[in-house]
Amino acid sequence: MFQIVGLVLLFGMVFGSYILAGGKMGIILHSLPYELMAILGSAVAAFLIANSMGVIKAVLAGFGKAFAGPKWKASDYRDLLSLLFLLTKTMKSKGVIALESHIENPGESTIFSRYPRITKDHFAVDFICDTLRMMTMNLEDPHQVEDAMEKQLEKHHHEALGPAHALQNMADGLPALGIVAAVLGVIKTMGSITEPPEVLGGMIGGALVGTFLGVFLAYGMVGPIASRLNAVVEEEASFYKIIQAVLVAHLHGNAAQISVEIGRGNVPSDSQPSFLELEEALSAIPAEA
């Protein structure tokens, strides 16, 4: 929502101030199609050259993510803590064998099925199940498990940030491409040097539209969208850090409720449930679960 308001303000303030100062939109509108073709078209071409198909598809999906915000809401963090509570409690009270059916086939698990939004995230489910599977194979050193989980998180985070980095690279190149378009406009103007001053003035103004568009698109649109996407990915990464915190705390011998309380401390402040809210969520879990 704020991103849409920001875009409206961006266009309103930039072009509004230009018009109020006596600027004529005719020169910009006349040059706009050609300058956009030269600048935005070459930026897209460079983007295609520099990135793999996976990153390109992720960038297209990333535009929606930048406007929609993080996919994890406050209720999802509460559900994650409840899920981890059930898993660690089962492991502590019934042993690792009781967990095998849940981690080998989470799609049919009575524990995982209670939290459908989490089970739709393949990385979250695989991350939980792979870690618990290591524990069932007698890898019980908390430091080794934490190190293994950290490597998985780093790999996933690096891949998730790929679209934001690709967009930022495009933003960094747009001002230079704007100069390229402006230079072409100057070359065209120099070829018509015998024209009257009013004609040359319009041609030079059109050439400068290229420089304007390159800077405007870079710092007003593409760069901020890349920054927003980066922030969304960073916030979503905290969801997986909670899994690491809870499972490592469990390996240190803490009770299930203590482990999830440690994980609660890793929840972003805007979505963090209070101690009482988490207590109520855990109390609401049926005894048979």
C-alpha atoms as a PDB file:
ATOM      1  CA  MET A   1       0.000   0.000   0.000  1.00  0.00           C
ATOM      2  CA  PHE A   2       2.712   2.484   0.998  1.00  0.00           C
ATOM      3  CA  GLN A   3       4.659   1.558  -2.136  1.00  0.00           C
ATOM      4  CA  ILE A   4       1.719   2.615  -4.344  1.00  0.00           C
ATOM      5  CA  VAL A   5       1.338   5.859  -2.383  1.00  0.00           C
ATOM      6  CA  GLY A   6       5.065   6.431  -2.795  1.00  0.00           C
ATOM      7  CA  LEU A   7       4.895   5.981  -6.570  1.00  0.00           C
ATOM      8  CA  VAL A   8       1.968   8.412  -6.842  1.00  0.00           C
ATOM      9  CA  LEU A   9       3.889  10.963  -4.764  1.00  0.00           C
ATOM     10  CA  LEU A  10       7.016  10.383  -6.839  1.00  0.00           C
ATOM     11  CA  PHE A  11       5.312  11.229 -10.129  1.00  0.00           C
ATOM     12  CA  GLY A  12       3.220  13.996  -8.591  1.00  0.00           C
ATOM     13  CA  MET A  13       6.140  15.797  -6.946  1.00  0.00           C
ATOM     14  CA  VAL A  14       8.607  15.459  -9.827  1.00  0.00           C
ATOM     15  CA  PHE A  15       6.340  16.338 -12.735  1.00  0.00           C
ATOM     16  CA  GLY A  16       4.128  18.644 -10.675  1.00  0.00           C
ATOM     17  CA  SER A  17       7.092  20.810  -9.704  1.00  0.00           C
ATOM     18  CA  TYR A  18       8.263  20.843 -13.329  1.00  0.00           C
ATOM     19  CA  ILE A  19       4.884  22.001 -14.611  1.00  0.00           C
ATOM     20  CA  LEU A  20       4.428  24.586 -11.830  1.00  0.00           C
ATOM     21  CA  ALA A  21       7.852  26.006 -12.666  1.00  0.00           C
ATOM     22  CA  GLY A  22       6.682  26.623 -16.229  1.00  0.00           C
ATOM     23  CA  GLY A  23       8.070  23.483 -17.858  1.00  0.00           C
ATOM     24  CA  LYS A  24       6.385  22.116 -20.952  1.00  0.00           C
ATOM     25  CA  MET A  25       5.417  18.451 -20.984  1.00  0.00           C
ATOM     26  CA  GLY A  26       5.312  18.426 -24.773  1.00  0.00           C
ATOM     27  CA  ILE A  27       9.091  18.029 -25.110  1.00  0.00           C
ATOM     28  CA  ILE A  28       9.146  15.150 -22.601  1.00  0.00           C
ATOM     29  CA  LEU A  29       6.139  13.372 -24.084  1.00  0.00           C
ATOM     30  CA  HIS A  30       7.524  13.689 -27.628  1.00  0.00           C
ATOM     31  CA  SER A  31      10.873  12.163 -26.649  1.00  0.00           C
ATOM     32  CA  LEU A  32       9.552   9.659 -24.108  1.00  0.00           C
ATOM     33  CA  PRO A  33       8.881   6.651 -26.408  1.00  0.00           C
ATOM     34  CA  TYR A  34      12.313   6.819 -28.052  1.00  0.00           C
ATOM     35  CA  GLU A  35      14.215   7.472 -24.831  1.00  0.00           C
ATOM     36  CA  LEU A  36      12.381   4.662 -23.007  1.00  0.00           C
ATOM     37  CA  MET A  37      13.189   2.330 -25.873  1.00  0.00           C
ATOM     38  CA  ALA A  38      16.879   3.232 -25.670  1.00  0.00           C
ATOM     39  CA  ILE A  39      17.198   3.267 -21.854  1.00  0.00           C
ATOM     40  CA  LEU A  40      14.689   0.763 -20.497  1.00  0.00           C
ATOM     41  CA  GLY A  41      15.104  -1.533 -23.477  1.00  0.00           C
ATOM     42  CA  SER A  42      18.878  -1.661 -23.116  1.00  0.00           C
ATOM     43  CA  ALA A  43      18.542  -2.099 -19.330  1.00  0.00           C
ATOM     44  CA  VAL A  44      16.278  -5.116 -19.847  1.00  0.00           C
ATOM     45  CA  ALA A  45      18.681  -6.498 -22.453  1.00  0.00           C
ATOM     46  CA  ALA A  46      21.624  -6.144 -20.048  1.00  0.00           C
ATOM     47  CA  PHE A  47      19.499  -7.750 -17.325  1.00  0.00           C
ATOM     48  CA  LEU A  48      18.823 -10.763 -19.562  1.00  0.00           C
ATOM     49  CA  ILE A  49      22.515 -11.057 -20.410  1.00  0.00           C
ATOM     50  CA  ALA A  50      23.627 -10.920 -16.776  1.00  0.00           C
ATOM     51  CA  ASN A  51      21.155 -13.319 -15.141  1.00  0.00           C
ATOM     52  CA  SER A  52      20.040 -16.928 -15.329  1.00  0.00           C
ATOM     53  CA  MET A  53      16.492 -17.954 -16.154  1.00  0.00           C
ATOM     54  CA  GLY A  54      15.837 -18.836 -12.509  1.00  0.00           C
ATOM     55  CA  VAL A  55      16.805 -15.333 -11.349  1.00  0.00           C
ATOM     56  CA  ILE A  56      14.765 -13.714 -14.136  1.00  0.00           C
ATOM     57  CA  LYS A  57      11.629 -15.616 -13.086  1.00  0.00           C
ATOM     58  CA  ALA A  58      12.313 -14.824  -9.431  1.00  0.00           C
ATOM     59  CA  VAL A  59      12.610 -11.094 -10.234  1.00  0.00           C
ATOM     60  CA  LEU A  60       9.199 -11.124 -11.931  1.00  0.00           C
ATOM     61  CA  ALA A  61       7.722 -12.774  -8.828  1.00  0.00           C
ATOM     62  CA  GLY A  62       9.728 -10.401  -6.668  1.00  0.00           C
ATOM     63  CA  PHE A  63       7.827  -7.346  -7.921  1.00  0.00           C
ATOM     64  CA  GLY A  64       4.677  -8.772  -6.338  1.00  0.00           C
ATOM     65  CA  LYS A  65       6.560  -9.566  -3.138  1.00  0.00           C
ATOM     66  CA  ALA A  66       7.957  -6.027  -2.937  1.00  0.00           C
ATOM     67  CA  PHE A  67       4.437  -4.583  -3.006  1.00  0.00           C
ATOM     68  CA  ALA A  68       2.718  -7.299  -0.934  1.00  0.00           C
ATOM     69  CA  GLY A  69       5.365  -7.439   1.803  1.00  0.00           C
ATOM     70  CA  PRO A  70       6.599 -10.478   3.786  1.00  0.00           C
ATOM     71  CA  LYS A  71       4.440 -13.559   3.422  1.00  0.00           C
ATOM     72  CA  TRP A  72       4.732 -14.480   7.097  1.00  0.00           C
ATOM     73  CA  LYS A  73       2.190 -12.803   9.370  1.00  0.00           C
ATOM     74  CA  ALA A  74       1.980 -12.703  13.162  1.00  0.00           C
ATOM     75  CA  SER A  75      -0.266 -15.777  13.223  1.00  0.00           C
ATOM     76  CA  ASP A  76       2.285 -17.733  11.157  1.00  0.00           C
ATOM     77  CA  TYR A  77       5.040 -17.103  13.700  1.00  0.00           C
ATOM     78  CA  ARG A  78       2.719 -18.256  16.454  1.00  0.00           C
ATOM     79  CA  ASP A  79       1.863 -21.378  14.447  1.00  0.00           C
ATOM     80  CA  LEU A  80       5.545 -22.090  13.806  1.00  0.00           C
ATOM     81  CA  LEU A  81       6.329 -21.943  17.521  1.00  0.00           C
ATOM     82  CA  SER A  82       3.367 -24.227  18.211  1.00  0.00           C
ATOM     83  CA  LEU A  83       4.545 -26.688  15.544  1.00  0.00           C
ATOM     84  CA  LEU A  84       8.070 -26.758  16.959  1.00  0.00           C
ATOM     85  CA  PHE A  85       6.647 -27.166  20.454  1.00  0.00           C
ATOM     86  CA  LEU A  86       4.710 -30.255  19.372  1.00  0.00           C
ATOM     87  CA  LEU A  87       7.718 -31.761  17.605  1.00  0.00           C
ATOM     88  CA  THR A  88      10.198 -31.183  20.419  1.00  0.00           C
ATOM     89  CA  LYS A  89       7.695 -32.274  23.068  1.00  0.00           C
ATOM     90  CA  THR A  90       7.004 -35.494  21.139  1.00  0.00           C
ATOM     91  CA  MET A  91      10.718 -36.130  20.771  1.00  0.00           C
ATOM     92  CA  LYS A  92      11.379 -35.516  24.457  1.00  0.00           C
ATOM     93  CA  SER A  93       8.459 -37.492  25.838  1.00  0.00           C
ATOM     94  CA  LYS A  94       8.166 -40.368  23.344  1.00  0.00           C
ATOM     95  CA  GLY A  95      11.644 -40.566  21.813  1.00  0.00           C
ATOM     96  CA  VAL A  96      12.996 -40.126  18.302  1.00  0.00           C
ATOM     97  CA  ILE A  97      11.151 -43.169  16.949  1.00  0.00           C
ATOM     98  CA  ALA A  98       7.808 -41.444  17.529  1.00  0.00           C
ATOM     99  CA  LEU A  99       8.924 -38.672  15.178  1.00  0.00           C
ATOM    100  CA  GLU A 100       9.926 -40.837  12.235  1.00  0.00           C
ATOM    101  CA  SER A 101       6.457 -41.051  10.672  1.00  0.00           C
ATOM    102  CA  HIS A 102       6.087 -37.278  10.879  1.00  0.00           C
ATOM    103  CA  ILE A 103       9.433 -36.311   9.371  1.00  0.00           C
ATOM    104  CA  GLU A 104       9.483 -39.010   6.691  1.00  0.00           C
ATOM    105  CA  ASN A 105       6.053 -38.070   5.361  1.00  0.00           C
ATOM    106  CA  PRO A 106       5.142 -34.592   6.635  1.00  0.00           C
ATOM    107  CA  GLY A 107       2.312 -34.307   4.105  1.00  0.00           C
ATOM    108  CA  GLU A 108       0.379 -36.952   6.027  1.00  0.00           C
ATOM    109  CA  SER A 109       1.619 -36.020   9.493  1.00  0.00           C
ATOM    110  CA  THR A 110      -1.055 -35.182  12.044  1.00  0.00           C
ATOM    111  CA  ILE A 111       1.318 -32.595  13.527  1.00  0.00           C
ATOM    112  CA  PHE A 112       2.307 -30.804  10.312  1.00  0.00           C
ATOM    113  CA  SER A 113      -1.240 -30.908   8.911  1.00  0.00           C
ATOM    114  CA  ARG A 114      -2.395 -28.646  11.740  1.00  0.00           C
ATOM    115  CA  TYR A 115      -0.429 -25.793  10.149  1.00  0.00           C
ATOM    116  CA  PRO A 116      -1.166 -25.780   6.374  1.00  0.00           C
ATOM    117  CA  ARG A 117       0.472 -22.408   5.627  1.00  0.00           C
ATOM    118  CA  ILE A 118       3.777 -23.650   6.990  1.00  0.00           C
ATOM    119  CA  THR A 119       3.579 -26.987   5.185  1.00  0.00           C
ATOM    120  CA  LYS A 120       3.199 -25.112   1.881  1.00  0.00           C
ATOM    121  CA  ASP A 121       6.704 -23.709   2.371  1.00  0.00           C
ATOM    122  CA  HIS A 122       8.907 -26.535   1.133  1.00  0.00           C
ATOM    123  CA  PHE A 123      12.115 -25.104   2.539  1.00  0.00           C
ATOM    124  CA  ALA A 124      10.657 -24.677   6.041  1.00  0.00           C
ATOM    125  CA  VAL A 125       9.339 -28.250   6.102  1.00  0.00           C
ATOM    126  CA  ASP A 126      12.530 -29.730   4.643  1.00  0.00           C
ATOM    127  CA  PHE A 127      14.657 -27.665   7.019  1.00  0.00           C
ATOM    128  CA  ILE A 128      12.746 -28.960  10.047  1.00  0.00           C
ATOM    129  CA  CYS A 129      12.577 -32.568   8.857  1.00  0.00           C
ATOM    130  CA  ASP A 130      16.223 -32.765   7.735  1.00  0.00           C
ATOM    131  CA  THR A 131      17.423 -31.412  11.071  1.00  0.00           C
ATOM    132  CA  LEU A 132      15.228 -33.764  13.085  1.00  0.00           C
ATOM    133  CA  ARG A 133      16.372 -36.619  10.859  1.00  0.00           C
ATOM    134  CA  MET A 134      19.986 -35.823  11.758  1.00  0.00           C
ATOM    135  CA  MET A 135      18.991 -36.010  15.422  1.00  0.00           C
ATOM    136  CA  THR A 136      17.383 -39.403  14.922  1.00  0.00           C
ATOM    137  CA  MET A 137      20.713 -40.555  13.423  1.00  0.00           C
ATOM    138  CA  ASN A 138      22.381 -39.773  16.781  1.00  0.00           C
ATOM    139  CA  LEU A 139      23.910 -36.465  15.722  1.00  0.00           C
ATOM    140  CA  GLU A 140      23.228 -34.796  19.051  1.00  0.00           C
ATOM    141  CA  ASP A 141      26.098 -32.320  19.316  1.00  0.00           C
ATOM    142  CA  PRO A 142      24.320 -28.905  19.415  1.00  0.00           C
ATOM    143  CA  HIS A 143      27.307 -27.124  17.878  1.00  0.00           C
ATOM    144  CA  GLN A 144      27.527 -29.494  14.904  1.00  0.00           C
ATOM    145  CA  VAL A 145      23.796 -29.307  14.286  1.00  0.00           C
ATOM    146  CA  GLU A 146      23.819 -25.518  14.579  1.00  0.00           C
ATOM    147  CA  ASP A 147      26.721 -25.296  12.122  1.00  0.00           C
ATOM    148  CA  ALA A 148      24.949 -27.567   9.624  1.00  0.00           C
ATOM    149  CA  MET A 149      21.742 -25.532   9.918  1.00  0.00           C
ATOM    150  CA  GLU A 150      23.662 -22.274   9.522  1.00  0.00           C
ATOM    151  CA  LYS A 151      25.147 -23.469   6.224  1.00  0.00           C
ATOM    152  CA  GLN A 152      21.684 -24.376   4.910  1.00  0.00           C
ATOM    153  CA  LEU A 153      20.327 -20.988   5.941  1.00  0.00           C
ATOM    154  CA  GLU A 154      23.217 -19.141   4.295  1.00  0.00           C
ATOM    155  CA  LYS A 155      22.690 -21.031   1.041  1.00  0.00           C
ATOM    156  CA  HIS A 156      18.929 -20.392   1.023  1.00  0.00           C
ATOM    157  CA  HIS A 157      19.372 -16.733   1.959  1.00  0.00           C
ATOM    158  CA  HIS A 158      21.978 -16.171  -0.751  1.00  0.00           C
ATOM    159  CA  GLU A 159      19.637 -17.621  -3.378  1.00  0.00           C
ATOM    160  CA  ALA A 160      16.640 -15.658  -2.060  1.00  0.00           C
ATOM    161  CA  LEU A 161      18.574 -12.373  -2.325  1.00  0.00           C
ATOM    162  CA  GLY A 162      19.481 -13.011  -5.983  1.00  0.00           C
ATOM    163  CA  PRO A 163      16.473 -11.114  -7.443  1.00  0.00           C
ATOM    164  CA  ALA A 164      17.076  -8.059  -5.233  1.00  0.00           C
ATOM    165  CA  HIS A 165      20.744  -7.955  -6.238  1.00  0.00           C
ATOM    166  CA  ALA A 166      19.821  -8.309  -9.921  1.00  0.00           C
ATOM    167  CA  LEU A 167      17.368  -5.394  -9.670  1.00  0.00           C
ATOM    168  CA  GLN A 168      19.929  -3.277  -7.838  1.00  0.00           C
ATOM    169  CA  ASN A 169      22.474  -3.947 -10.587  1.00  0.00           C
ATOM    170  CA  MET A 170      19.920  -2.771 -13.126  1.00  0.00           C
ATOM    171  CA  ALA A 171      19.310   0.390 -11.078  1.00  0.00           C
ATOM    172  CA  ASP A 172      23.063   1.054 -10.916  1.00  0.00           C
ATOM    173  CA  GLY A 173      23.328   0.866 -14.702  1.00  0.00           C
ATOM    174  CA  LEU A 174      20.311   3.022 -15.608  1.00  0.00           C
ATOM    175  CA  PRO A 175      21.994   6.463 -15.128  1.00  0.00           C
ATOM    176  CA  ALA A 176      24.830   5.425 -17.455  1.00  0.00           C
ATOM    177  CA  LEU A 177      22.339   4.164 -20.032  1.00  0.00           C
ATOM    178  CA  GLY A 178      20.549   7.509 -19.717  1.00  0.00           C
ATOM    179  CA  ILE A 179      23.810   9.228 -20.648  1.00  0.00           C
ATOM    180  CA  VAL A 180      24.148   6.915 -23.648  1.00  0.00           C
ATOM    181  CA  ALA A 181      20.668   7.936 -24.823  1.00  0.00           C
ATOM    182  CA  ALA A 182      21.482  11.616 -24.214  1.00  0.00           C
ATOM    183  CA  VAL A 183      24.721  11.365 -26.221  1.00  0.00           C
ATOM    184  CA  LEU A 184      22.811   9.839 -29.133  1.00  0.00           C
ATOM    185  CA  GLY A 185      20.393  12.760 -28.926  1.00  0.00           C
ATOM    186  CA  VAL A 186      23.292  15.237 -29.013  1.00  0.00           C
ATOM    187  CA  ILE A 187      24.760  13.439 -32.039  1.00  0.00           C
ATOM    188  CA  LYS A 188      21.392  13.771 -33.774  1.00  0.00           C
ATOM    189  CA  THR A 189      21.278  17.475 -32.828  1.00  0.00           C
ATOM    190  CA  MET A 190      24.779  18.107 -34.192  1.00  0.00           C
ATOM    191  CA  GLY A 191      23.683  16.616 -37.479  1.00  0.00           C
ATOM    192  CA  SER A 192      21.037  19.349 -37.686  1.00  0.00           C
ATOM    193  CA  ILE A 193      23.229  22.245 -36.584  1.00  0.00           C
ATOM    194  CA  THR A 194      21.975  24.440 -39.444  1.00  0.00           C
ATOM    195  CA  GLU A 195      18.411  24.398 -38.092  1.00  0.00           C
ATOM    196  CA  PRO A 196      16.969  27.508 -36.349  1.00  0.00           C
ATOM    197  CA  PRO A 197      17.611  27.941 -32.582  1.00  0.00           C
ATOM    198  CA  GLU A 198      14.050  27.014 -31.624  1.00  0.00           C
ATOM    199  CA  VAL A 199      14.409  23.675 -33.447  1.00  0.00           C
ATOM    200  CA  LEU A 200      17.843  22.993 -31.926  1.00  0.00           C
ATOM    201  CA  GLY A 201      16.482  23.886 -28.459  1.00  0.00           C
ATOM    202  CA  GLY A 202      13.757  21.264 -28.769  1.00  0.00           C
ATOM    203  CA  MET A 203      16.254  18.649 -29.974  1.00  0.00           C
ATOM    204  CA  ILE A 204      18.672  19.354 -27.109  1.00  0.00           C
ATOM    205  CA  GLY A 205      15.785  19.253 -24.622  1.00  0.00           C
ATOM    206  CA  GLY A 206      14.754  15.884 -26.031  1.00  0.00           C
ATOM    207  CA  ALA A 207      18.313  14.599 -25.640  1.00  0.00           C
ATOM    208  CA  LEU A 208      18.382  15.686 -21.994  1.00  0.00           C
ATOM    209  CA  VAL A 209      15.198  13.689 -21.385  1.00  0.00           C
ATOM    210  CA  GLY A 210      17.417  10.610 -21.700  1.00  0.00           C
ATOM    211  CA  THR A 211      19.643  11.685 -18.800  1.00  0.00           C
ATOM    212  CA  PHE A 212      16.567  12.579 -16.758  1.00  0.00           C
ATOM    213  CA  LEU A 213      14.876   9.230 -17.383  1.00  0.00           C
ATOM    214  CA  GLY A 214      17.976   7.203 -16.520  1.00  0.00           C
ATOM    215  CA  VAL A 215      18.391   8.919 -13.141  1.00  0.00           C
ATOM    216  CA  PHE A 216      14.637   9.022 -12.464  1.00  0.00           C
ATOM    217  CA  LEU A 217      14.124   5.307 -13.131  1.00  0.00           C
ATOM    218  CA  ALA A 218      17.250   4.315 -11.181  1.00  0.00           C
ATOM    219  CA  TYR A 219      16.757   6.317  -7.996  1.00  0.00           C
ATOM    220  CA  GLY A 220      13.003   6.799  -8.065  1.00  0.00           C
ATOM    221  CA  MET A 221      11.706   3.368  -9.079  1.00  0.00           C
ATOM    222  CA  VAL A 222      14.019   0.411  -9.717  1.00  0.00           C
ATOM    223  CA  GLY A 223      16.448   1.127  -6.862  1.00  0.00           C
ATOM    224  CA  PRO A 224      13.732   1.568  -4.200  1.00  0.00           C
ATOM    225  CA  ILE A 225      11.924  -1.571  -5.392  1.00  0.00           C
ATOM    226  CA  ALA A 226      15.192  -3.527  -5.123  1.00  0.00           C
ATOM    227  CA  SER A 227      15.740  -2.126  -1.632  1.00  0.00           C
ATOM    228  CA  ARG A 228      12.211  -3.043  -0.579  1.00  0.00           C
ATOM    229  CA  LEU A 229      12.575  -6.567  -1.972  1.00  0.00           C
ATOM    230  CA  ASN A 230      15.840  -6.967  -0.076  1.00  0.00           C
ATOM    231  CA  ALA A 231      14.124  -5.882   3.163  1.00  0.00           C
ATOM    232  CA  VAL A 232      11.255  -8.349   2.608  1.00  0.00           C
ATOM    233  CA  VAL A 233      13.678 -11.240   2.035  1.00  0.00           C
ATOM    234  CA  GLU A 234      15.642 -10.283   5.159  1.00  0.00           C
ATOM    235  CA  GLU A 235      12.478 -10.285   7.270  1.00  0.00           C
ATOM    236  CA  GLU A 236      11.284 -13.604   5.856  1.00  0.00           C
ATOM    237  CA  ALA A 237      14.671 -15.135   6.702  1.00  0.00           C
ATOM    238  CA  SER A 238      13.971 -14.602  10.409  1.00  0.00           C
ATOM    239  CA  PHE A 239      11.216 -17.233  10.118  1.00  0.00           C
ATOM    240  CA  TYR A 240      13.823 -19.905   9.427  1.00  0.00           C
ATOM    241  CA  LYS A 241      16.199 -18.592  12.093  1.00  0.00           C
ATOM    242  CA  ILE A 242      13.476 -19.362  14.642  1.00  0.00           C
ATOM    243  CA  ILE A 243      13.536 -23.015  13.585  1.00  0.00           C
ATOM    244  CA  GLN A 244      17.279 -23.098  14.166  1.00  0.00           C
ATOM    245  CA  ALA A 245      17.003 -21.398  17.557  1.00  0.00           C
ATOM    246  CA  VAL A 246      14.308 -23.765  18.854  1.00  0.00           C
ATOM    247  CA  LEU A 247      15.898 -27.004  17.664  1.00  0.00           C
ATOM    248  CA  VAL A 248      19.359 -26.057  18.949  1.00  0.00           C
ATOM    249  CA  ALA A 249      17.831 -25.065  22.297  1.00  0.00           C
ATOM    250  CA  HIS A 250      16.146 -28.471  22.383  1.00  0.00           C
ATOM    251  CA  LEU A 251      19.494 -30.186  21.793  1.00  0.00           C
ATOM    252  CA  HIS A 252      20.917 -28.314  24.760  1.00  0.00           C
ATOM    253  CA  GLY A 253      18.445 -30.233  26.903  1.00  0.00           C
ATOM    254  CA  ASN A 254      15.811 -27.545  27.449  1.00  0.00           C
ATOM    255  CA  ALA A 255      12.159 -28.391  27.932  1.00  0.00           C
ATOM    256  CA  ALA A 256       9.918 -27.876  24.891  1.00  0.00           C
ATOM    257  CA  GLN A 257       8.300 -24.773  26.376  1.00  0.00           C
ATOM    258  CA  ILE A 258      11.690 -23.223  27.164  1.00  0.00           C
ATOM    259  CA  SER A 259      12.933 -23.981  23.643  1.00  0.00           C
ATOM    260  CA  VAL A 260       9.998 -22.225  21.961  1.00  0.00           C
ATOM    261  CA  GLU A 261      10.368 -19.294  24.354  1.00  0.00           C
ATOM    262  CA  ILE A 262      13.959 -18.938  23.129  1.00  0.00           C
ATOM    263  CA  GLY A 263      12.611 -19.045  19.564  1.00  0.00           C
ATOM    264  CA  ARG A 264       9.994 -16.397  20.390  1.00  0.00           C
ATOM    265  CA  GLY A 265      12.831 -13.984  21.101  1.00  0.00           C
ATOM    266  CA  ASN A 266      13.898 -14.249  17.432  1.00  0.00           C
ATOM    267  CA  VAL A 267      10.490 -13.210  16.044  1.00  0.00           C
ATOM    268  CA  PRO A 268      10.473  -9.715  14.437  1.00  0.00           C
ATOM    269  CA  SER A 269       9.060  -7.176  16.887  1.00  0.00           C
ATOM    270  CA  ASP A 270       6.038  -6.309  14.707  1.00  0.00           C
ATOM    271  CA  SER A 271       4.940  -9.964  14.630  1.00  0.00           C
ATOM    272  CA  GLN A 272       6.235 -11.209  17.979  1.00  0.00           C
ATOM    273  CA  PRO A 273       3.553 -12.814  20.169  1.00  0.00           C
ATOM    274  CA  SER A 274       3.651 -11.919  23.824  1.00  0.00           C
ATOM    275  CA  PHE A 275       4.492 -14.555  26.415  1.00  0.00           C
ATOM    276  CA  LEU A 276       0.799 -14.865  27.316  1.00  0.00           C
ATOM    277  CA  GLU A 277      -0.299 -15.098  23.669  1.00  0.00           C
ATOM    278  CA  LEU A 278       2.121 -17.947  23.052  1.00  0.00           C
ATOM    279  CA  GLU A 279       1.052 -19.603  26.295  1.00  0.00           C
ATOM    280  CA  GLU A 280      -2.581 -19.462  25.182  1.00  0.00           C
ATOM    281  CA  ALA A 281      -1.708 -20.868  21.734  1.00  0.00           C
ATOM    282  CA  LEU A 282       0.155 -23.799  23.276  1.00  0.00           C
ATOM    283  CA  SER A 283      -2.644 -24.425  25.781  1.00  0.00           C
ATOM    284  CA  ALA A 284      -5.185 -24.513  22.960  1.00  0.00           C
ATOM    285  CA  ILE A 285      -3.447 -27.494  21.324  1.00  0.00           C
ATOM    286  CA  PRO A 286      -5.619 -30.593  21.915  1.00  0.00           C
ATOM    287  CA  ALA A 287      -4.163 -33.175  24.262  1.00  0.00           C
ATOM    288  CA  GLU A 288      -4.247 -35.883  21.571  1.00  0.00           C
ATOM    289  CA  ALA A 289      -1.919 -33.787  19.397  1.00  0.00           C
END
